[in-house]
Amino acid sequence: MKSDGHIHLEPKIDEIFSDPIFLAVLKRD
């Protein structure tokens, strides 16, 4: 990911918590 001129290798936690695949896995489990 790239924002504000910096390269971020890991997504922010709020991005993870809004990811549909992550949410589907949580629901499944």
PDB file of all heavy atoms in Angstrom:
ATOM      1  N   MET A   1       0.827  -1.170   0.000  1.00  0.00           N
ATOM      2  CA  MET A   1       0.000   0.000   0.000  1.00  0.00           C
ATOM      3  C   MET A   1       0.873   1.235   0.000  1.00  0.00           C
ATOM      4  O   MET A   1       1.925   1.243   0.594  1.00  0.00           O
ATOM      5  CB  MET A   1      -0.864   0.008   1.250  1.00  0.00           C
ATOM      6  CG  MET A   1      -2.017  -0.898   1.152  1.00  0.00           C
ATOM      7  SD  MET A   1      -2.928  -0.824   2.671  1.00  0.00           S
ATOM      8  CE  MET A   1      -3.352  -2.520   2.727  1.00  0.00           C
ATOM      9  N   LYS A   2       0.378   2.254  -0.615  1.00  0.00           N
ATOM     10  CA  LYS A   2       1.153   3.478  -0.656  1.00  0.00           C
ATOM     11  C   LYS A   2       0.226   4.649  -0.366  1.00  0.00           C
ATOM     12  O   LYS A   2      -0.824   4.786  -0.975  1.00  0.00           O
ATOM     13  CB  LYS A   2       1.807   3.634  -2.018  1.00  0.00           C
ATOM     14  CG  LYS A   2       2.850   4.698  -2.063  1.00  0.00           C
ATOM     15  CD  LYS A   2       3.586   4.666  -3.371  1.00  0.00           C
ATOM     16  CE  LYS A   2       4.715   5.665  -3.324  1.00  0.00           C
ATOM     17  NZ  LYS A   2       5.517   5.632  -4.499  1.00  0.00           N
ATOM     18  N   SER A   3       0.610   5.439   0.607  1.00  0.00           N
ATOM     19  CA  SER A   3      -0.117   6.658   0.913  1.00  0.00           C
ATOM     20  C   SER A   3       0.849   7.646   1.530  1.00  0.00           C
ATOM     21  O   SER A   3       1.859   7.262   2.088  1.00  0.00           O
ATOM     22  CB  SER A   3      -1.283   6.371   1.859  1.00  0.00           C
ATOM     23  OG  SER A   3      -0.800   5.902   3.092  1.00  0.00           O
ATOM     24  N   ASP A   4       0.558   8.876   1.437  1.00  0.00           N
ATOM     25  CA  ASP A   4       1.356   9.973   1.993  1.00  0.00           C
ATOM     26  C   ASP A   4       2.856   9.838   1.724  1.00  0.00           C
ATOM     27  O   ASP A   4       3.682  10.226   2.545  1.00  0.00           O
ATOM     28  CB  ASP A   4       1.074  10.181   3.475  1.00  0.00           C
ATOM     29  CG  ASP A   4       1.440   8.992   4.373  1.00  0.00           C
ATOM     30  OD1 ASP A   4       2.381   8.243   4.050  1.00  0.00           O
ATOM     31  OD2 ASP A   4       0.783   8.831   5.403  1.00  0.00           O
ATOM     32  N   GLY A   5       3.210   9.248   0.590  1.00  0.00           N
ATOM     33  CA  GLY A   5       4.607   9.138   0.219  1.00  0.00           C
ATOM     34  C   GLY A   5       5.369   8.013   0.875  1.00  0.00           C
ATOM     35  O   GLY A   5       6.544   7.837   0.630  1.00  0.00           O
ATOM     36  N   HIS A   6       4.730   7.229   1.731  1.00  0.00           N
ATOM     37  CA  HIS A   6       5.385   6.124   2.418  1.00  0.00           C
ATOM     38  C   HIS A   6       4.798   4.800   1.952  1.00  0.00           C
ATOM     39  O   HIS A   6       3.628   4.705   1.620  1.00  0.00           O
ATOM     40  CB  HIS A   6       5.195   6.244   3.940  1.00  0.00           C
ATOM     41  CG  HIS A   6       5.864   7.432   4.525  1.00  0.00           C
ATOM     42  ND1 HIS A   6       5.219   8.630   4.705  1.00  0.00           N
ATOM     43  CD2 HIS A   6       7.129   7.609   4.961  1.00  0.00           C
ATOM     44  CE1 HIS A   6       6.052   9.494   5.238  1.00  0.00           C
ATOM     45  NE2 HIS A   6       7.225   8.908   5.396  1.00  0.00           N
ATOM     46  N   ILE A   7       5.620   3.792   1.952  1.00  0.00           N
ATOM     47  CA  ILE A   7       5.158   2.457   1.606  1.00  0.00           C
ATOM     48  C   ILE A   7       4.818   1.733   2.901  1.00  0.00           C
ATOM     49  O   ILE A   7       5.638   1.642   3.806  1.00  0.00           O
ATOM     50  CB  ILE A   7       6.223   1.683   0.816  1.00  0.00           C
ATOM     51  CG1 ILE A   7       6.471   2.363  -0.518  1.00  0.00           C
ATOM     52  CG2 ILE A   7       5.801   0.240   0.615  1.00  0.00           C
ATOM     53  CD1 ILE A   7       7.603   1.771  -1.326  1.00  0.00           C
ATOM     54  N   HIS A   8       3.602   1.243   2.985  1.00  0.00           N
ATOM     55  CA  HIS A   8       3.151   0.498   4.156  1.00  0.00           C
ATOM     56  C   HIS A   8       2.983  -0.961   3.749  1.00  0.00           C
ATOM     57  O   HIS A   8       2.194  -1.274   2.876  1.00  0.00           O
ATOM     58  CB  HIS A   8       1.824   1.049   4.684  1.00  0.00           C
ATOM     59  CG  HIS A   8       1.903   2.492   5.070  1.00  0.00           C
ATOM     60  ND1 HIS A   8       2.430   2.916   6.266  1.00  0.00           N
ATOM     61  CD2 HIS A   8       1.541   3.613   4.410  1.00  0.00           C
ATOM     62  CE1 HIS A   8       2.379   4.232   6.328  1.00  0.00           C
ATOM     63  NE2 HIS A   8       1.850   4.681   5.215  1.00  0.00           N
ATOM     64  N   LEU A   9       3.722  -1.844   4.384  1.00  0.00           N
ATOM     65  CA  LEU A   9       3.666  -3.248   4.013  1.00  0.00           C
ATOM     66  C   LEU A   9       2.482  -3.963   4.630  1.00  0.00           C
ATOM     67  O   LEU A   9       2.056  -4.989   4.131  1.00  0.00           O
ATOM     68  CB  LEU A   9       4.979  -3.939   4.408  1.00  0.00           C
ATOM     69  CG  LEU A   9       6.232  -3.374   3.739  1.00  0.00           C
ATOM     70  CD1 LEU A   9       7.471  -4.092   4.252  1.00  0.00           C
ATOM     71  CD2 LEU A   9       6.140  -3.496   2.232  1.00  0.00           C
ATOM     72  N   GLU A  10       1.964  -3.444   5.722  1.00  0.00           N
ATOM     73  CA  GLU A  10       0.837  -4.084   6.383  1.00  0.00           C
ATOM     74  C   GLU A  10      -0.356  -3.138   6.344  1.00  0.00           C
ATOM     75  O   GLU A  10      -0.199  -1.939   6.520  1.00  0.00           O
ATOM     76  CB  GLU A  10       1.177  -4.407   7.837  1.00  0.00           C
ATOM     77  CG  GLU A  10       2.300  -5.407   7.963  1.00  0.00           C
ATOM     78  CD  GLU A  10       2.641  -5.702   9.413  1.00  0.00           C
ATOM     79  OE1 GLU A  10       1.902  -5.268  10.314  1.00  0.00           O
ATOM     80  OE2 GLU A  10       3.645  -6.367   9.634  1.00  0.00           O
ATOM     81  N   PRO A  11      -1.548  -3.696   6.136  1.00  0.00           N
ATOM     82  CA  PRO A  11      -2.738  -2.827   6.141  1.00  0.00           C
ATOM     83  C   PRO A  11      -3.036  -2.352   7.557  1.00  0.00           C
ATOM     84  O   PRO A  11      -2.656  -2.982   8.537  1.00  0.00           O
ATOM     85  CB  PRO A  11      -3.844  -3.753   5.636  1.00  0.00           C
ATOM     86  CG  PRO A  11      -3.373  -5.118   5.946  1.00  0.00           C
ATOM     87  CD  PRO A  11      -1.879  -5.078   5.869  1.00  0.00           C
ATOM     88  N   LYS A  12      -3.718  -1.239   7.657  1.00  0.00           N
ATOM     89  CA  LYS A  12      -4.150  -0.733   8.955  1.00  0.00           C
ATOM     90  C   LYS A  12      -5.273  -1.630   9.466  1.00  0.00           C
ATOM     91  O   LYS A  12      -6.003  -2.253   8.690  1.00  0.00           O
ATOM     92  CB  LYS A  12      -4.628   0.703   8.832  1.00  0.00           C
ATOM     93  CG  LYS A  12      -3.499   1.647   8.449  1.00  0.00           C
ATOM     94  CD  LYS A  12      -3.971   3.062   8.352  1.00  0.00           C
ATOM     95  CE  LYS A  12      -2.800   3.943   7.969  1.00  0.00           C
ATOM     96  NZ  LYS A  12      -3.153   5.339   7.928  1.00  0.00           N
ATOM     97  N   ILE A  13      -5.424  -1.680  10.776  1.00  0.00           N
ATOM     98  CA  ILE A  13      -6.395  -2.582  11.385  1.00  0.00           C
ATOM     99  C   ILE A  13      -7.822  -2.264  10.924  1.00  0.00           C
ATOM    100  O   ILE A  13      -8.614  -3.176  10.700  1.00  0.00           O
ATOM    101  CB  ILE A  13      -6.269  -2.589  12.925  1.00  0.00           C
ATOM    102  CG1 ILE A  13      -6.979  -3.788  13.523  1.00  0.00           C
ATOM    103  CG2 ILE A  13      -6.779  -1.317  13.537  1.00  0.00           C
ATOM    104  CD1 ILE A  13      -6.281  -5.084  13.313  1.00  0.00           C
ATOM    105  N   ASP A  14      -8.142  -0.997  10.736  1.00  0.00           N
ATOM    106  CA  ASP A  14      -9.488  -0.658  10.278  1.00  0.00           C
ATOM    107  C   ASP A  14      -9.733  -1.139   8.847  1.00  0.00           C
ATOM    108  O   ASP A  14     -10.869  -1.472   8.484  1.00  0.00           O
ATOM    109  CB  ASP A  14      -9.786   0.831  10.432  1.00  0.00           C
ATOM    110  CG  ASP A  14      -8.839   1.725   9.652  1.00  0.00           C
ATOM    111  OD1 ASP A  14      -7.669   1.352   9.485  1.00  0.00           O
ATOM    112  OD2 ASP A  14      -9.276   2.810   9.234  1.00  0.00           O
ATOM    113  N   GLU A  15      -8.667  -1.218   8.050  1.00  0.00           N
ATOM    114  CA  GLU A  15      -8.795  -1.770   6.701  1.00  0.00           C
ATOM    115  C   GLU A  15      -9.073  -3.272   6.768  1.00  0.00           C
ATOM    116  O   GLU A  15      -9.878  -3.801   6.004  1.00  0.00           O
ATOM    117  CB  GLU A  15      -7.537  -1.515   5.882  1.00  0.00           C
ATOM    118  CG  GLU A  15      -7.306  -0.058   5.560  1.00  0.00           C
ATOM    119  CD  GLU A  15      -5.959   0.200   4.901  1.00  0.00           C
ATOM    120  OE1 GLU A  15      -5.064  -0.663   4.989  1.00  0.00           O
ATOM    121  OE2 GLU A  15      -5.810   1.277   4.308  1.00  0.00           O
ATOM    122  N   ILE A  16      -8.404  -3.948   7.685  1.00  0.00           N
ATOM    123  CA  ILE A  16      -8.621  -5.387   7.857  1.00  0.00           C
ATOM    124  C   ILE A  16     -10.045  -5.642   8.329  1.00  0.00           C
ATOM    125  O   ILE A  16     -10.741  -6.522   7.812  1.00  0.00           O
ATOM    126  CB  ILE A  16      -7.605  -5.982   8.846  1.00  0.00           C
ATOM    127  CG1 ILE A  16      -6.193  -5.896   8.267  1.00  0.00           C
ATOM    128  CG2 ILE A  16      -7.961  -7.421   9.202  1.00  0.00           C
ATOM    129  CD1 ILE A  16      -5.102  -6.242   9.241  1.00  0.00           C
ATOM    130  N   PHE A  17     -10.486  -4.854   9.314  1.00  0.00           N
ATOM    131  CA  PHE A  17     -11.818  -5.056   9.891  1.00  0.00           C
ATOM    132  C   PHE A  17     -12.941  -4.747   8.902  1.00  0.00           C
ATOM    133  O   PHE A  17     -14.073  -5.151   9.121  1.00  0.00           O
ATOM    134  CB  PHE A  17     -11.992  -4.210  11.143  1.00  0.00           C
ATOM    135  CG  PHE A  17     -11.251  -4.736  12.352  1.00  0.00           C
ATOM    136  CD1 PHE A  17     -11.118  -3.954  13.471  1.00  0.00           C
ATOM    137  CD2 PHE A  17     -10.686  -5.998  12.371  1.00  0.00           C
ATOM    138  CE1 PHE A  17     -10.452  -4.419  14.601  1.00  0.00           C
ATOM    139  CE2 PHE A  17     -10.007  -6.478  13.487  1.00  0.00           C
ATOM    140  CZ  PHE A  17      -9.899  -5.689  14.603  1.00  0.00           C
ATOM    141  N   SER A  18     -12.650  -4.052   7.818  1.00  0.00           N
ATOM    142  CA  SER A  18     -13.681  -3.770   6.828  1.00  0.00           C
ATOM    143  C   SER A  18     -13.542  -4.646   5.582  1.00  0.00           C
ATOM    144  O   SER A  18     -14.337  -4.522   4.647  1.00  0.00           O
ATOM    145  CB  SER A  18     -13.653  -2.290   6.443  1.00  0.00           C
ATOM    146  OG  SER A  18     -12.439  -1.963   5.810  1.00  0.00           O
ATOM    147  N   ASP A  19     -12.560  -5.537   5.585  1.00  0.00           N
ATOM    148  CA  ASP A  19     -12.343  -6.413   4.434  1.00  0.00           C
ATOM    149  C   ASP A  19     -13.408  -7.508   4.386  1.00  0.00           C
ATOM    150  O   ASP A  19     -13.590  -8.238   5.367  1.00  0.00           O
ATOM    151  CB  ASP A  19     -10.955  -7.057   4.537  1.00  0.00           C
ATOM    152  CG  ASP A  19     -10.689  -7.984   3.369  1.00  0.00           C
ATOM    153  OD1 ASP A  19     -10.434  -7.472   2.269  1.00  0.00           O
ATOM    154  OD2 ASP A  19     -10.765  -9.208   3.568  1.00  0.00           O
ATOM    155  N   PRO A  20     -14.130  -7.635   3.283  1.00  0.00           N
ATOM    156  CA  PRO A  20     -15.217  -8.619   3.202  1.00  0.00           C
ATOM    157  C   PRO A  20     -14.755 -10.069   3.383  1.00  0.00           C
ATOM    158  O   PRO A  20     -15.484 -10.885   3.964  1.00  0.00           O
ATOM    159  CB  PRO A  20     -15.818  -8.413   1.817  1.00  0.00           C
ATOM    160  CG  PRO A  20     -15.101  -7.288   1.188  1.00  0.00           C
ATOM    161  CD  PRO A  20     -14.014  -6.827   2.087  1.00  0.00           C
ATOM    162  N   ILE A  21     -13.575 -10.401   2.929  1.00  0.00           N
ATOM    163  CA  ILE A  21     -13.073 -11.770   3.088  1.00  0.00           C
ATOM    164  C   ILE A  21     -12.765 -12.035   4.558  1.00  0.00           C
ATOM    165  O   ILE A  21     -13.124 -13.087   5.102  1.00  0.00           O
ATOM    166  CB  ILE A  21     -11.848 -12.021   2.187  1.00  0.00           C
ATOM    167  CG1 ILE A  21     -12.275 -11.934   0.727  1.00  0.00           C
ATOM    168  CG2 ILE A  21     -11.202 -13.368   2.518  1.00  0.00           C
ATOM    169  CD1 ILE A  21     -11.149 -11.988  -0.269  1.00  0.00           C
ATOM    170  N   PHE A  22     -12.114 -11.089   5.223  1.00  0.00           N
ATOM    171  CA  PHE A  22     -11.832 -11.225   6.655  1.00  0.00           C
ATOM    172  C   PHE A  22     -13.141 -11.392   7.427  1.00  0.00           C
ATOM    173  O   PHE A  22     -13.254 -12.266   8.294  1.00  0.00           O
ATOM    174  CB  PHE A  22     -11.062 -10.000   7.149  1.00  0.00           C
ATOM    175  CG  PHE A  22     -10.790 -10.005   8.618  1.00  0.00           C
ATOM    176  CD1 PHE A  22      -9.790 -10.792   9.151  1.00  0.00           C
ATOM    177  CD2 PHE A  22     -11.540  -9.211   9.480  1.00  0.00           C
ATOM    178  CE1 PHE A  22      -9.532 -10.806  10.522  1.00  0.00           C
ATOM    179  CE2 PHE A  22     -11.287  -9.209  10.844  1.00  0.00           C
ATOM    180  CZ  PHE A  22     -10.290 -10.007  11.364  1.00  0.00           C
ATOM    181  N   LEU A  23     -14.130 -10.575   7.109  1.00  0.00           N
ATOM    182  CA  LEU A  23     -15.419 -10.652   7.803  1.00  0.00           C
ATOM    183  C   LEU A  23     -16.109 -11.985   7.536  1.00  0.00           C
ATOM    184  O   LEU A  23     -16.721 -12.564   8.445  1.00  0.00           O
ATOM    185  CB  LEU A  23     -16.308  -9.484   7.380  1.00  0.00           C
ATOM    186  CG  LEU A  23     -15.795  -8.102   7.779  1.00  0.00           C
ATOM    187  CD1 LEU A  23     -16.659  -7.010   7.162  1.00  0.00           C
ATOM    188  CD2 LEU A  23     -15.714  -7.957   9.289  1.00  0.00           C
ATOM    189  N   ALA A  24     -15.989 -12.503   6.326  1.00  0.00           N
ATOM    190  CA  ALA A  24     -16.594 -13.799   6.000  1.00  0.00           C
ATOM    191  C   ALA A  24     -15.925 -14.933   6.778  1.00  0.00           C
ATOM    192  O   ALA A  24     -16.595 -15.849   7.256  1.00  0.00           O
ATOM    193  CB  ALA A  24     -16.503 -14.054   4.494  1.00  0.00           C
ATOM    194  N   VAL A  25     -14.613 -14.863   6.925  1.00  0.00           N
ATOM    195  CA  VAL A  25     -13.891 -15.884   7.684  1.00  0.00           C
ATOM    196  C   VAL A  25     -14.287 -15.820   9.159  1.00  0.00           C
ATOM    197  O   VAL A  25     -14.508 -16.846   9.798  1.00  0.00           O
ATOM    198  CB  VAL A  25     -12.359 -15.745   7.498  1.00  0.00           C
ATOM    199  CG1 VAL A  25     -11.603 -16.639   8.452  1.00  0.00           C
ATOM    200  CG2 VAL A  25     -11.980 -16.053   6.056  1.00  0.00           C
ATOM    201  N   LEU A  26     -14.387 -14.607   9.701  1.00  0.00           N
ATOM    202  CA  LEU A  26     -14.838 -14.468  11.091  1.00  0.00           C
ATOM    203  C   LEU A  26     -16.219 -15.100  11.272  1.00  0.00           C
ATOM    204  O   LEU A  26     -16.444 -15.863  12.210  1.00  0.00           O
ATOM    205  CB  LEU A  26     -14.913 -12.991  11.501  1.00  0.00           C
ATOM    206  CG  LEU A  26     -13.626 -12.265  11.804  1.00  0.00           C
ATOM    207  CD1 LEU A  26     -13.928 -10.822  12.218  1.00  0.00           C
ATOM    208  CD2 LEU A  26     -12.832 -12.954  12.888  1.00  0.00           C
ATOM    209  N   LYS A  27     -17.130 -14.779  10.368  1.00  0.00           N
ATOM    210  CA  LYS A  27     -18.492 -15.304  10.458  1.00  0.00           C
ATOM    211  C   LYS A  27     -18.488 -16.827  10.367  1.00  0.00           C
ATOM    212  O   LYS A  27     -19.161 -17.510  11.142  1.00  0.00           O
ATOM    213  CB  LYS A  27     -19.358 -14.704   9.343  1.00  0.00           C
ATOM    214  CG  LYS A  27     -20.796 -15.108   9.417  1.00  0.00           C
ATOM    215  CD  LYS A  27     -21.616 -14.411   8.346  1.00  0.00           C
ATOM    216  CE  LYS A  27     -23.067 -14.822   8.447  1.00  0.00           C
ATOM    217  NZ  LYS A  27     -23.879 -14.155   7.432  1.00  0.00           N
ATOM    218  N   ARG A  28     -17.715 -17.363   9.439  1.00  0.00           N
ATOM    219  CA  ARG A  28     -17.629 -18.812   9.285  1.00  0.00           C
ATOM    220  C   ARG A  28     -17.150 -19.483  10.568  1.00  0.00           C
ATOM    221  O   ARG A  28     -17.629 -20.544  10.951  1.00  0.00           O
ATOM    222  CB  ARG A  28     -16.678 -19.158   8.137  1.00  0.00           C
ATOM    223  CG  ARG A  28     -16.513 -20.658   7.917  1.00  0.00           C
ATOM    224  CD  ARG A  28     -15.244 -21.026   7.215  1.00  0.00           C
ATOM    225  NE  ARG A  28     -14.098 -20.694   8.053  1.00  0.00           N
ATOM    226  CZ  ARG A  28     -12.855 -20.667   7.614  1.00  0.00           C
ATOM    227  NH1 ARG A  28     -12.582 -20.920   6.350  1.00  0.00           N
ATOM    228  NH2 ARG A  28     -11.863 -20.367   8.418  1.00  0.00           N
ATOM    229  N   ASP A  29     -16.205 -18.814  11.239  1.00  0.00           N
ATOM    230  CA  ASP A  29     -15.611 -19.374  12.445  1.00  0.00           C
ATOM    231  C   ASP A  29     -16.390 -19.031  13.717  1.00  0.00           C
ATOM    232  O   ASP A  29     -15.988 -19.420  14.814  1.00  0.00           O
ATOM    233  CB  ASP A  29     -14.167 -18.902  12.591  1.00  0.00           C
ATOM    234  CG  ASP A  29     -13.259 -19.472  11.510  1.00  0.00           C
ATOM    235  OD1 ASP A  29     -13.660 -20.439  10.835  1.00  0.00           O
ATOM    236  OD2 ASP A  29     -12.143 -18.956  11.352  1.00  0.00           O
TER     237      ASP A  29
END
